[in-house]
PDB file of N, CA and C in Angstrom:
ATOM      1  N   MET A   1      -1.357   1.610 -13.691  1.00  0.00           N
ATOM      2  CA  MET A   1      -2.085   1.027 -12.591  1.00  0.00           C
ATOM      3  C   MET A   1      -3.521   1.542 -12.534  1.00  0.00           C
ATOM      4  N   ASN A   2      -3.735   2.726 -13.012  1.00  0.00           N
ATOM      5  CA  ASN A   2      -5.054   3.335 -12.957  1.00  0.00           C
ATOM      6  C   ASN A   2      -6.046   2.654 -13.889  1.00  0.00           C
ATOM      7  N   ASP A   3      -5.568   2.000 -14.940  1.00  0.00           N
ATOM      8  CA  ASP A   3      -6.446   1.418 -15.949  1.00  0.00           C
ATOM      9  C   ASP A   3      -6.491  -0.101 -15.907  1.00  0.00           C
ATOM     10  N   LEU A   4      -6.123  -0.707 -14.813  1.00  0.00           N
ATOM     11  CA  LEU A   4      -6.153  -2.159 -14.705  1.00  0.00           C
ATOM     12  C   LEU A   4      -7.595  -2.635 -14.584  1.00  0.00           C
ATOM     13  N   PRO A   5      -7.970  -3.661 -15.356  1.00  0.00           N
ATOM     14  CA  PRO A   5      -9.346  -4.160 -15.257  1.00  0.00           C
ATOM     15  C   PRO A   5      -9.597  -4.816 -13.897  1.00  0.00           C
ATOM     16  N   ASP A   6     -10.799  -4.620 -13.391  1.00  0.00           N
ATOM     17  CA  ASP A   6     -11.227  -5.229 -12.126  1.00  0.00           C
ATOM     18  C   ASP A   6     -10.326  -4.872 -10.946  1.00  0.00           C
ATOM     19  N   THR A   7      -9.696  -3.707 -11.010  1.00  0.00           N
ATOM     20  CA  THR A   7      -8.774  -3.298  -9.952  1.00  0.00           C
ATOM     21  C   THR A   7      -8.993  -1.827  -9.627  1.00  0.00           C
ATOM     22  N   GLN A   8      -9.110  -1.519  -8.357  1.00  0.00           N
ATOM     23  CA  GLN A   8      -9.164  -0.137  -7.904  1.00  0.00           C
ATOM     24  C   GLN A   8      -7.947   0.102  -7.031  1.00  0.00           C
ATOM     25  N   VAL A   9      -7.172   1.106  -7.393  1.00  0.00           N
ATOM     26  CA  VAL A   9      -5.951   1.424  -6.657  1.00  0.00           C
ATOM     27  C   VAL A   9      -6.170   2.720  -5.887  1.00  0.00           C
ATOM     28  N   PHE A  10      -5.863   2.686  -4.601  1.00  0.00           N
ATOM     29  CA  PHE A  10      -5.943   3.865  -3.756  1.00  0.00           C
ATOM     30  C   PHE A  10      -4.600   4.070  -3.077  1.00  0.00           C
ATOM     31  N   ILE A  11      -4.318   5.300  -2.701  1.00  0.00           N
ATOM     32  CA  ILE A  11      -3.118   5.638  -1.949  1.00  0.00           C
ATOM     33  C   ILE A  11      -3.559   5.817  -0.500  1.00  0.00           C
ATOM     34  N   CYS A  12      -3.184   4.890   0.356  1.00  0.00           N
ATOM     35  CA  CYS A  12      -3.536   4.947   1.773  1.00  0.00           C
ATOM     36  C   CYS A  12      -2.295   5.409   2.526  1.00  0.00           C
ATOM     37  N   THR A  13      -2.380   6.565   3.143  1.00  0.00           N
ATOM     38  CA  THR A  13      -1.194   7.149   3.751  1.00  0.00           C
ATOM     39  C   THR A  13      -1.510   7.728   5.127  1.00  0.00           C
ATOM     40  N   SER A  14      -0.534   7.664   6.000  1.00  0.00           N
ATOM     41  CA  SER A  14      -0.667   8.201   7.357  1.00  0.00           C
ATOM     42  C   SER A  14       0.183   9.458   7.482  1.00  0.00           C
ATOM     43  N   PRO A  15      -0.444  10.609   7.731  1.00  0.00           N
ATOM     44  CA  PRO A  15       0.344  11.831   7.886  1.00  0.00           C
ATOM     45  C   PRO A  15       1.130  11.826   9.187  1.00  0.00           C
ATOM     46  N   LEU A  16       2.271  12.484   9.162  1.00  0.00           N
ATOM     47  CA  LEU A  16       3.061  12.646  10.384  1.00  0.00           C
ATOM     48  C   LEU A  16       2.257  13.475  11.383  1.00  0.00           C
ATOM     49  N   LEU A  17       2.353  13.138  12.639  1.00  0.00           N
ATOM     50  CA  LEU A  17       1.528  13.787  13.657  1.00  0.00           C
ATOM     51  C   LEU A  17       1.917  15.233  13.934  1.00  0.00           C
ATOM     52  N   LYS A  18       3.208  15.552  13.923  1.00  0.00           N
ATOM     53  CA  LYS A  18       3.647  16.879  14.356  1.00  0.00           C
ATOM     54  C   LYS A  18       4.260  17.696  13.229  1.00  0.00           C
ATOM     55  N   TYR A  19       3.786  17.478  12.003  1.00  0.00           N
ATOM     56  CA  TYR A  19       4.338  18.226  10.884  1.00  0.00           C
ATOM     57  C   TYR A  19       3.174  18.725  10.043  1.00  0.00           C
ATOM     58  N   HIS A  20       2.827  20.003  10.192  1.00  0.00           N
ATOM     59  CA  HIS A  20       1.599  20.517   9.586  1.00  0.00           C
ATOM     60  C   HIS A  20       1.659  20.655   8.070  1.00  0.00           C
ATOM     61  N   HIS A  21       2.819  20.534   7.443  1.00  0.00           N
ATOM     62  CA  HIS A  21       2.913  20.595   5.981  1.00  0.00           C
ATOM     63  C   HIS A  21       2.793  19.214   5.338  1.00  0.00           C
ATOM     64  N   CYS A  22       2.760  18.184   6.148  1.00  0.00           N
ATOM     65  CA  CYS A  22       2.821  16.807   5.657  1.00  0.00           C
ATOM     66  C   CYS A  22       1.694  16.477   4.673  1.00  0.00           C
ATOM     67  N   VAL A  23       0.466  16.809   5.011  1.00  0.00           N
ATOM     68  CA  VAL A  23      -0.672  16.450   4.162  1.00  0.00           C
ATOM     69  C   VAL A  23      -0.557  17.118   2.797  1.00  0.00           C
ATOM     70  N   GLY A  24      -0.278  18.398   2.777  1.00  0.00           N
ATOM     71  CA  GLY A  24      -0.120  19.111   1.506  1.00  0.00           C
ATOM     72  C   GLY A  24       1.009  18.552   0.670  1.00  0.00           C
ATOM     73  N   GLU A  25       2.113  18.220   1.320  1.00  0.00           N
ATOM     74  CA  GLU A  25       3.250  17.647   0.593  1.00  0.00           C
ATOM     75  C   GLU A  25       2.916  16.281   0.023  1.00  0.00           C
ATOM     76  N   LYS A  26       2.141  15.476   0.728  1.00  0.00           N
ATOM     77  CA  LYS A  26       1.724  14.169   0.207  1.00  0.00           C
ATOM     78  C   LYS A  26       0.867  14.350  -1.045  1.00  0.00           C
ATOM     79  N   TYR A  27      -0.089  15.267  -0.989  1.00  0.00           N
ATOM     80  CA  TYR A  27      -0.946  15.520  -2.149  1.00  0.00           C
ATOM     81  C   TYR A  27      -0.126  16.003  -3.344  1.00  0.00           C
ATOM     82  N   ARG A  28       0.805  16.919  -3.105  1.00  0.00           N
ATOM     83  CA  ARG A  28       1.647  17.419  -4.204  1.00  0.00           C
ATOM     84  C   ARG A  28       2.494  16.304  -4.803  1.00  0.00           C
ATOM     85  N   TRP A  29       3.068  15.442  -3.956  1.00  0.00           N
ATOM     86  CA  TRP A  29       3.906  14.344  -4.436  1.00  0.00           C
ATOM     87  C   TRP A  29       3.083  13.404  -5.312  1.00  0.00           C
ATOM     88  N   VAL A  30       1.894  13.047  -4.849  1.00  0.00           N
ATOM     89  CA  VAL A  30       1.040  12.138  -5.622  1.00  0.00           C
ATOM     90  C   VAL A  30       0.688  12.765  -6.966  1.00  0.00           C
ATOM     91  N   GLU A  31       0.305  14.021  -6.968  1.00  0.00           N
ATOM     92  CA  GLU A  31      -0.052  14.673  -8.231  1.00  0.00           C
ATOM     93  C   GLU A  31       1.143  14.732  -9.177  1.00  0.00           C
ATOM     94  N   GLN A  32       2.307  15.067  -8.673  1.00  0.00           N
ATOM     95  CA  GLN A  32       3.504  15.194  -9.500  1.00  0.00           C
ATOM     96  C   GLN A  32       3.975  13.842 -10.038  1.00  0.00           C
ATOM     97  N   HIS A  33       3.961  12.802  -9.212  1.00  0.00           N
ATOM     98  CA  HIS A  33       4.546  11.517  -9.603  1.00  0.00           C
ATOM     99  C   HIS A  33       3.547  10.510 -10.159  1.00  0.00           C
ATOM    100  N   LEU A  34       2.287  10.609  -9.747  1.00  0.00           N
ATOM    101  CA  LEU A  34       1.292   9.630 -10.188  1.00  0.00           C
ATOM    102  C   LEU A  34       0.192  10.235 -11.044  1.00  0.00           C
ATOM    103  N   GLY A  35       0.061  11.551 -11.002  1.00  0.00           N
ATOM    104  CA  GLY A  35      -0.938  12.224 -11.828  1.00  0.00           C
ATOM    105  C   GLY A  35      -2.153  12.662 -11.025  1.00  0.00           C
ATOM    106  N   PRO A  36      -2.887  13.645 -11.568  1.00  0.00           N
ATOM    107  CA  PRO A  36      -4.027  14.212 -10.845  1.00  0.00           C
ATOM    108  C   PRO A  36      -5.143  13.203 -10.568  1.00  0.00           C
ATOM    109  N   GLN A  37      -5.264  12.161 -11.398  1.00  0.00           N
ATOM    110  CA  GLN A  37      -6.326  11.179 -11.151  1.00  0.00           C
ATOM    111  C   GLN A  37      -6.128  10.449  -9.826  1.00  0.00           C
ATOM    112  N   PHE A  38      -4.882  10.322  -9.378  1.00  0.00           N
ATOM    113  CA  PHE A  38      -4.631   9.633  -8.114  1.00  0.00           C
ATOM    114  C   PHE A  38      -4.832  10.539  -6.903  1.00  0.00           C
ATOM    115  N   VAL A  39      -4.854  11.846  -7.093  1.00  0.00           N
ATOM    116  CA  VAL A  39      -5.140  12.754  -5.975  1.00  0.00           C
ATOM    117  C   VAL A  39      -6.533  12.445  -5.425  1.00  0.00           C
ATOM    118  N   GLU A  40      -7.456  12.085  -6.327  1.00  0.00           N
ATOM    119  CA  GLU A  40      -8.818  11.736  -5.919  1.00  0.00           C
ATOM    120  C   GLU A  40      -8.883  10.379  -5.226  1.00  0.00           C
ATOM    121  N   ARG A  41      -7.790   9.644  -5.237  1.00  0.00           N
ATOM    122  CA  ARG A  41      -7.768   8.292  -4.669  1.00  0.00           C
ATOM    123  C   ARG A  41      -6.903   8.210  -3.407  1.00  0.00           C
ATOM    124  N   ILE A  42      -6.642   9.349  -2.788  1.00  0.00           N
ATOM    125  CA  ILE A  42      -5.862   9.368  -1.547  1.00  0.00           C
ATOM    126  C   ILE A  42      -6.795   9.124  -0.362  1.00  0.00           C
ATOM    127  N   ILE A  43      -6.390   8.208   0.501  1.00  0.00           N
ATOM    128  CA  ILE A  43      -7.078   7.971   1.768  1.00  0.00           C
ATOM    129  C   ILE A  43      -6.093   8.341   2.874  1.00  0.00           C
ATOM    130  N   LEU A  44      -6.402   9.404   3.614  1.00  0.00           N
ATOM    131  CA  LEU A  44      -5.574   9.818   4.749  1.00  0.00           C
ATOM    132  C   LEU A  44      -6.142   9.193   6.012  1.00  0.00           C
ATOM    133  N   THR A  45      -5.318   8.462   6.725  1.00  0.00           N
ATOM    134  CA  THR A  45      -5.767   7.833   7.957  1.00  0.00           C
ATOM    135  C   THR A  45      -4.583   7.572   8.869  1.00  0.00           C
ATOM    136  N   ARG A  46      -4.815   7.642  10.148  1.00  0.00           N
ATOM    137  CA  ARG A  46      -3.755   7.270  11.091  1.00  0.00           C
ATOM    138  C   ARG A  46      -3.772   5.773  11.346  1.00  0.00           C
ATOM    139  N   ASP A  47      -4.879   5.115  10.965  1.00  0.00           N
ATOM    140  CA  ASP A  47      -5.021   3.678  11.202  1.00  0.00           C
ATOM    141  C   ASP A  47      -5.371   2.973   9.891  1.00  0.00           C
ATOM    142  N   LYS A  48      -4.381   2.410   9.238  1.00  0.00           N
ATOM    143  CA  LYS A  48      -4.599   1.717   7.965  1.00  0.00           C
ATOM    144  C   LYS A  48      -5.335   0.399   8.142  1.00  0.00           C
ATOM    145  N   THR A  49      -5.371  -0.129   9.362  1.00  0.00           N
ATOM    146  CA  THR A  49      -6.024  -1.425   9.570  1.00  0.00           C
ATOM    147  C   THR A  49      -7.537  -1.356   9.392  1.00  0.00           C
ATOM    148  N   VAL A  50      -8.131  -0.171   9.477  1.00  0.00           N
ATOM    149  CA  VAL A  50      -9.586  -0.044   9.332  1.00  0.00           C
ATOM    150  C   VAL A  50     -10.007   0.190   7.885  1.00  0.00           C
ATOM    151  N   VAL A  51      -9.055   0.332   6.985  1.00  0.00           N
ATOM    152  CA  VAL A  51      -9.349   0.526   5.565  1.00  0.00           C
ATOM    153  C   VAL A  51      -9.512  -0.844   4.915  1.00  0.00           C
ATOM    154  N   LEU A  52     -10.618  -1.029   4.191  1.00  0.00           N
ATOM    155  CA  LEU A  52     -10.876  -2.302   3.522  1.00  0.00           C
ATOM    156  C   LEU A  52     -10.110  -2.379   2.213  1.00  0.00           C
ATOM    157  N   GLY A  53      -9.577  -3.548   1.911  1.00  0.00           N
ATOM    158  CA  GLY A  53      -8.863  -3.757   0.661  1.00  0.00           C
ATOM    159  C   GLY A  53      -8.342  -5.174   0.586  1.00  0.00           C
ATOM    160  N   ASP A  54      -7.745  -5.502  -0.538  1.00  0.00           N
ATOM    161  CA  ASP A  54      -7.160  -6.829  -0.733  1.00  0.00           C
ATOM    162  C   ASP A  54      -5.669  -6.839  -0.432  1.00  0.00           C
ATOM    163  N   LEU A  55      -4.988  -5.751  -0.804  1.00  0.00           N
ATOM    164  CA  LEU A  55      -3.538  -5.650  -0.609  1.00  0.00           C
ATOM    165  C   LEU A  55      -3.195  -4.289  -0.033  1.00  0.00           C
ATOM    166  N   LEU A  56      -2.213  -4.254   0.840  1.00  0.00           N
ATOM    167  CA  LEU A  56      -1.615  -3.002   1.291  1.00  0.00           C
ATOM    168  C   LEU A  56      -0.126  -3.131   1.031  1.00  0.00           C
ATOM    169  N   ILE A  57       0.381  -2.315   0.134  1.00  0.00           N
ATOM    170  CA  ILE A  57       1.820  -2.292  -0.148  1.00  0.00           C
ATOM    171  C   ILE A  57       2.381  -1.133   0.658  1.00  0.00           C
ATOM    172  N   ASP A  58       3.235  -1.444   1.623  1.00  0.00           N
ATOM    173  CA  ASP A  58       3.684  -0.443   2.586  1.00  0.00           C
ATOM    174  C   ASP A  58       5.141  -0.689   2.944  1.00  0.00           C
ATOM    175  N   ASP A  59       5.874   0.389   3.222  1.00  0.00           N
ATOM    176  CA  ASP A  59       7.285   0.243   3.582  1.00  0.00           C
ATOM    177  C   ASP A  59       7.487  -0.030   5.068  1.00  0.00           C
ATOM    178  N   LYS A  60       6.450   0.077   5.863  1.00  0.00           N
ATOM    179  CA  LYS A  60       6.572  -0.287   7.280  1.00  0.00           C
ATOM    180  C   LYS A  60       6.427  -1.796   7.397  1.00  0.00           C
ATOM    181  N   ASP A  61       7.310  -2.396   8.168  1.00  0.00           N
ATOM    182  CA  ASP A  61       7.257  -3.857   8.276  1.00  0.00           C
ATOM    183  C   ASP A  61       6.095  -4.322   9.143  1.00  0.00           C
ATOM    184  N   THR A  62       5.622  -3.464  10.029  1.00  0.00           N
ATOM    185  CA  THR A  62       4.489  -3.804  10.880  1.00  0.00           C
ATOM    186  C   THR A  62       3.480  -2.671  10.812  1.00  0.00           C
ATOM    187  N   VAL A  63       2.244  -3.000  10.490  1.00  0.00           N
ATOM    188  CA  VAL A  63       1.170  -2.011  10.453  1.00  0.00           C
ATOM    189  C   VAL A  63       0.164  -2.424  11.526  1.00  0.00           C
ATOM    190  N   ARG A  64       0.077  -1.615  12.571  1.00  0.00           N
ATOM    191  CA  ARG A  64      -0.809  -1.931  13.690  1.00  0.00           C
ATOM    192  C   ARG A  64      -1.906  -0.884  13.799  1.00  0.00           C
ATOM    193  N   GLY A  65      -3.007  -1.326  14.383  1.00  0.00           N
ATOM    194  CA  GLY A  65      -4.119  -0.412  14.592  1.00  0.00           C
ATOM    195  C   GLY A  65      -5.252  -1.097  15.316  1.00  0.00           C
ATOM    196  N   GLN A  66      -6.435  -0.555  15.151  1.00  0.00           N
ATOM    197  CA  GLN A  66      -7.629  -1.042  15.830  1.00  0.00           C
ATOM    198  C   GLN A  66      -7.961  -2.489  15.459  1.00  0.00           C
ATOM    199  N   GLU A  67      -7.812  -2.831  14.187  1.00  0.00           N
ATOM    200  CA  GLU A  67      -8.132  -4.179  13.707  1.00  0.00           C
ATOM    201  C   GLU A  67      -6.921  -5.093  13.853  1.00  0.00           C
ATOM    202  N   GLU A  68      -7.084  -6.180  14.580  1.00  0.00           N
ATOM    203  CA  GLU A  68      -5.972  -7.125  14.738  1.00  0.00           C
ATOM    204  C   GLU A  68      -5.705  -7.911  13.465  1.00  0.00           C
ATOM    205  N   THR A  69      -6.754  -8.191  12.706  1.00  0.00           N
ATOM    206  CA  THR A  69      -6.599  -8.914  11.436  1.00  0.00           C
ATOM    207  C   THR A  69      -7.267  -8.102  10.330  1.00  0.00           C
ATOM    208  N   PRO A  70      -6.533  -7.164   9.739  1.00  0.00           N
ATOM    209  CA  PRO A  70      -7.091  -6.338   8.666  1.00  0.00           C
ATOM    210  C   PRO A  70      -7.539  -7.195   7.480  1.00  0.00           C
ATOM    211  N   SER A  71      -8.371  -6.617   6.621  1.00  0.00           N
ATOM    212  CA  SER A  71      -8.894  -7.349   5.463  1.00  0.00           C
ATOM    213  C   SER A  71      -7.832  -7.580   4.402  1.00  0.00           C
ATOM    214  N   TRP A  72      -6.763  -6.788   4.407  1.00  0.00           N
ATOM    215  CA  TRP A  72      -5.763  -6.834   3.349  1.00  0.00           C
ATOM    216  C   TRP A  72      -4.559  -7.684   3.729  1.00  0.00           C
ATOM    217  N   GLU A  73      -3.872  -8.134   2.672  1.00  0.00           N
ATOM    218  CA  GLU A  73      -2.566  -8.777   2.848  1.00  0.00           C
ATOM    219  C   GLU A  73      -1.511  -7.684   2.776  1.00  0.00           C
ATOM    220  N   HIS A  74      -0.608  -7.672   3.727  1.00  0.00           N
ATOM    221  CA  HIS A  74       0.451  -6.664   3.771  1.00  0.00           C
ATOM    222  C   HIS A  74       1.634  -7.132   2.929  1.00  0.00           C
ATOM    223  N   ILE A  75       1.968  -6.358   1.900  1.00  0.00           N
ATOM    224  CA  ILE A  75       3.146  -6.595   1.071  1.00  0.00           C
ATOM    225  C   ILE A  75       4.183  -5.557   1.490  1.00  0.00           C
ATOM    226  N   LEU A  76       5.348  -5.998   1.909  1.00  0.00           N
ATOM    227  CA  LEU A  76       6.391  -5.059   2.338  1.00  0.00           C
ATOM    228  C   LEU A  76       7.104  -4.490   1.118  1.00  0.00           C
ATOM    229  N   PHE A  77       7.055  -3.158   0.987  1.00  0.00           N
ATOM    230  CA  PHE A  77       7.778  -2.473  -0.085  1.00  0.00           C
ATOM    231  C   PHE A  77       9.189  -2.179   0.415  1.00  0.00           C
ATOM    232  N   THR A  78      10.172  -2.668  -0.302  1.00  0.00           N
ATOM    233  CA  THR A  78      11.559  -2.558   0.133  1.00  0.00           C
ATOM    234  C   THR A  78      12.068  -1.122   0.058  1.00  0.00           C
ATOM    235  N   CYS A  79      12.635  -0.664   1.171  1.00  0.00           N
ATOM    236  CA  CYS A  79      13.282   0.645   1.281  1.00  0.00           C
ATOM    237  C   CYS A  79      14.549   0.464   2.105  1.00  0.00           C
ATOM    238  N   CYS A  80      15.335   1.526   2.190  1.00  0.00           N
ATOM    239  CA  CYS A  80      16.602   1.436   2.915  1.00  0.00           C
ATOM    240  C   CYS A  80      16.415   1.016   4.370  1.00  0.00           C
ATOM    241  N   HIS A  81      15.322   1.418   5.004  1.00  0.00           N
ATOM    242  CA  HIS A  81      15.126   1.114   6.426  1.00  0.00           C
ATOM    243  C   HIS A  81      14.567  -0.287   6.698  1.00  0.00           C
ATOM    244  N   ASN A  82      14.172  -1.032   5.644  1.00  0.00           N
ATOM    245  CA  ASN A  82      13.650  -2.381   5.897  1.00  0.00           C
ATOM    246  C   ASN A  82      14.324  -3.464   5.054  1.00  0.00           C
ATOM    247  N   ARG A  83      15.291  -3.060   4.259  1.00  0.00           N
ATOM    248  CA  ARG A  83      15.983  -3.984   3.351  1.00  0.00           C
ATOM    249  C   ARG A  83      16.606  -5.169   4.090  1.00  0.00           C
ATOM    250  N   HIS A  84      17.047  -4.940   5.309  1.00  0.00           N
ATOM    251  CA  HIS A  84      17.734  -5.974   6.095  1.00  0.00           C
ATOM    252  C   HIS A  84      16.782  -7.002   6.716  1.00  0.00           C
ATOM    253  N   LEU A  85      15.499  -6.721   6.734  1.00  0.00           N
ATOM    254  CA  LEU A  85      14.548  -7.603   7.412  1.00  0.00           C
ATOM    255  C   LEU A  85      14.337  -8.902   6.640  1.00  0.00           C
ATOM    256  N   VAL A  86      14.326  -9.991   7.368  1.00  0.00           N
ATOM    257  CA  VAL A  86      14.026 -11.298   6.788  1.00  0.00           C
ATOM    258  C   VAL A  86      12.570 -11.603   7.113  1.00  0.00           C
ATOM    259  N   LEU A  87      11.773 -11.792   6.073  1.00  0.00           N
ATOM    260  CA  LEU A  87      10.350 -12.037   6.278  1.00  0.00           C
ATOM    261  C   LEU A  87      10.071 -13.523   6.448  1.00  0.00           C
ATOM    262  N   PRO A  88       9.058 -13.850   7.229  1.00  0.00           N
ATOM    263  CA  PRO A  88       8.659 -15.258   7.317  1.00  0.00           C
ATOM    264  C   PRO A  88       8.107 -15.719   5.967  1.00  0.00           C
ATOM    265  N   PRO A  89       8.087 -17.018   5.721  1.00  0.00           N
ATOM    266  CA  PRO A  89       7.634 -17.529   4.418  1.00  0.00           C
ATOM    267  C   PRO A  89       6.212 -17.115   4.040  1.00  0.00           C
ATOM    268  N   THR A  90       5.401 -16.766   5.016  1.00  0.00           N
ATOM    269  CA  THR A  90       4.017 -16.378   4.725  1.00  0.00           C
ATOM    270  C   THR A  90       3.886 -14.936   4.249  1.00  0.00           C
ATOM    271  N   ARG A  91       4.941 -14.153   4.352  1.00  0.00           N
ATOM    272  CA  ARG A  91       4.917 -12.737   3.952  1.00  0.00           C
ATOM    273  C   ARG A  91       5.579 -12.544   2.600  1.00  0.00           C
ATOM    274  N   ARG A  92       5.124 -11.506   1.884  1.00  0.00           N
ATOM    275  CA  ARG A  92       5.702 -11.203   0.575  1.00  0.00           C
ATOM    276  C   ARG A  92       6.296  -9.803   0.576  1.00  0.00           C
ATOM    277  N   ARG A  93       7.217  -9.600  -0.361  1.00  0.00           N
ATOM    278  CA  ARG A  93       7.951  -8.344  -0.469  1.00  0.00           C
ATOM    279  C   ARG A  93       7.920  -7.892  -1.927  1.00  0.00           C
ATOM    280  N   LEU A  94       7.821  -6.581  -2.124  1.00  0.00           N
ATOM    281  CA  LEU A  94       7.970  -5.970  -3.438  1.00  0.00           C
ATOM    282  C   LEU A  94       9.279  -5.194  -3.394  1.00  0.00           C
ATOM    283  N   LEU A  95      10.217  -5.578  -4.240  1.00  0.00           N
ATOM    284  CA  LEU A  95      11.554  -4.980  -4.182  1.00  0.00           C
ATOM    285  C   LEU A  95      11.574  -3.535  -4.658  1.00  0.00           C
ATOM    286  N   SER A  96      10.774  -3.216  -5.670  1.00  0.00           N
ATOM    287  CA  SER A  96      10.674  -1.858  -6.209  1.00  0.00           C
ATOM    288  C   SER A  96       9.463  -1.842  -7.135  1.00  0.00           C
ATOM    289  N   TRP A  97       9.130  -0.667  -7.674  1.00  0.00           N
ATOM    290  CA  TRP A  97       8.021  -0.615  -8.635  1.00  0.00           C
ATOM    291  C   TRP A  97       8.431  -1.215  -9.972  1.00  0.00           C
ATOM    292  N   SER A  98       9.721  -1.467 -10.161  1.00  0.00           N
ATOM    293  CA  SER A  98      10.180  -2.186 -11.353  1.00  0.00           C
ATOM    294  C   SER A  98      10.005  -3.688 -11.180  1.00  0.00           C
ATOM    295  N   ASP A  99       9.821  -4.116  -9.945  1.00  0.00           N
ATOM    296  CA  ASP A  99       9.596  -5.522  -9.635  1.00  0.00           C
ATOM    297  C   ASP A  99       8.229  -5.935 -10.204  1.00  0.00           C
ATOM    298  N   ASN A 100       7.935  -7.203 -10.176  1.00  0.00           N
ATOM    299  CA  ASN A 100       6.720  -7.697 -10.809  1.00  0.00           C
ATOM    300  C   ASN A 100       5.496  -7.560  -9.897  1.00  0.00           C
ATOM    301  N   TRP A 101       5.002  -6.333  -9.749  1.00  0.00           N
ATOM    302  CA  TRP A 101       3.826  -6.082  -8.926  1.00  0.00           C
ATOM    303  C   TRP A 101       2.574  -6.684  -9.546  1.00  0.00           C
ATOM    304  N   ARG A 102       2.554  -6.813 -10.878  1.00  0.00           N
ATOM    305  CA  ARG A 102       1.385  -7.432 -11.530  1.00  0.00           C
ATOM    306  C   ARG A 102       1.218  -8.881 -11.093  1.00  0.00           C
ATOM    307  N   GLU A 103       2.326  -9.565 -10.878  1.00  0.00           N
ATOM    308  CA  GLU A 103       2.275 -10.955 -10.415  1.00  0.00           C
ATOM    309  C   GLU A 103       1.603 -11.046  -9.044  1.00  0.00           C
ATOM    310  N   ILE A 104       1.886 -10.087  -8.183  1.00  0.00           N
ATOM    311  CA  ILE A 104       1.252 -10.055  -6.862  1.00  0.00           C
ATOM    312  C   ILE A 104      -0.251  -9.842  -7.011  1.00  0.00           C
ATOM    313  N   LEU A 105      -0.643  -8.893  -7.876  1.00  0.00           N
ATOM    314  CA  LEU A 105      -2.073  -8.657  -8.101  1.00  0.00           C
ATOM    315  C   LEU A 105      -2.751  -9.893  -8.672  1.00  0.00           C
ATOM    316  N   ASP A 106      -2.116 -10.500  -9.668  1.00  0.00           N
ATOM    317  CA  ASP A 106      -2.700 -11.683 -10.304  1.00  0.00           C
ATOM    318  C   ASP A 106      -2.827 -12.842  -9.324  1.00  0.00           C
ATOM    319  N   SER A 107      -1.832 -13.015  -8.456  1.00  0.00           N
ATOM    320  CA  SER A 107      -1.908 -14.110  -7.481  1.00  0.00           C
ATOM    321  C   SER A 107      -3.044 -13.863  -6.495  1.00  0.00           C
ATOM    322  N   LYS A 108      -3.282 -12.620  -6.152  1.00  0.00           N
ATOM    323  CA  LYS A 108      -4.383 -12.290  -5.238  1.00  0.00           C
ATOM    324  C   LYS A 108      -5.722 -12.537  -5.924  1.00  0.00           C
ATOM    325  N   ARG A 109      -5.821 -12.172  -7.197  1.00  0.00           N
ATOM    326  CA  ARG A 109      -7.050 -12.432  -7.954  1.00  0.00           C
ATOM    327  C   ARG A 109      -7.321 -13.928  -8.041  1.00  0.00           C
ATOM    328  N   GLY A 110      -6.271 -14.697  -8.311  1.00  0.00           N
ATOM    329  CA  GLY A 110      -6.414 -16.149  -8.408  1.00  0.00           C
ATOM    330  C   GLY A 110      -6.893 -16.756  -7.106  1.00  0.00           C
ATOM    331  N   ALA A 111      -6.372 -16.267  -5.995  1.00  0.00           N
ATOM    332  CA  ALA A 111      -6.787 -16.766  -4.678  1.00  0.00           C
ATOM    333  C   ALA A 111      -8.245 -16.413  -4.412  1.00  0.00           C
ATOM    334  N   ALA A 112      -8.656 -15.214  -4.806  1.00  0.00           N
ATOM    335  CA  ALA A 112     -10.041 -14.785  -4.588  1.00  0.00           C
ATOM    336  C   ALA A 112     -11.005 -15.610  -5.440  1.00  0.00           C
ATOM    337  N   GLN A 113     -10.599 -15.963  -6.644  1.00  0.00           N
ATOM    338  CA  GLN A 113     -11.462 -16.759  -7.519  1.00  0.00           C
ATOM    339  C   GLN A 113     -11.620 -18.181  -7.001  1.00  0.00           C
ATOM    340  N   ARG A 114     -10.599 -18.708  -6.329  1.00  0.00           N
ATOM    341  CA  ARG A 114     -10.668 -20.073  -5.795  1.00  0.00           C
ATOM    342  C   ARG A 114     -11.555 -20.161  -4.554  1.00  0.00           C
ATOM    343  N   GLU A 115     -11.782 -19.024  -3.893  1.00  0.00           N
ATOM    344  CA  GLU A 115     -12.572 -19.037  -2.642  1.00  0.00           C
ATOM    345  C   GLU A 115     -14.040 -19.192  -2.899  1.00  0.00           C
TER     346      GLU A 115
END
């Protein structure tokens, strides 16, 4: 994902409010599982709606914040706590990282080129 042409990938994450080890653990997890290059691409925020982007892949089914209509399209990443949710036809889901995430990126690129 780090070497995709015309694509910048960032990790946008919200730390838990009452757990002081959360931020350090997030950084360690990213470094261990995604590599040190992604540590430089972490965006810590309590409000993901103010972060500019094309896509937000997130396991929360609803992402709320200051912006009512964020710049990004929310893709629901399937986890045990949201697997049961039925999405409206206008929403998309990524079943796992083994799923075809490239297709989602390509469809977004195609839509941007048509605009």
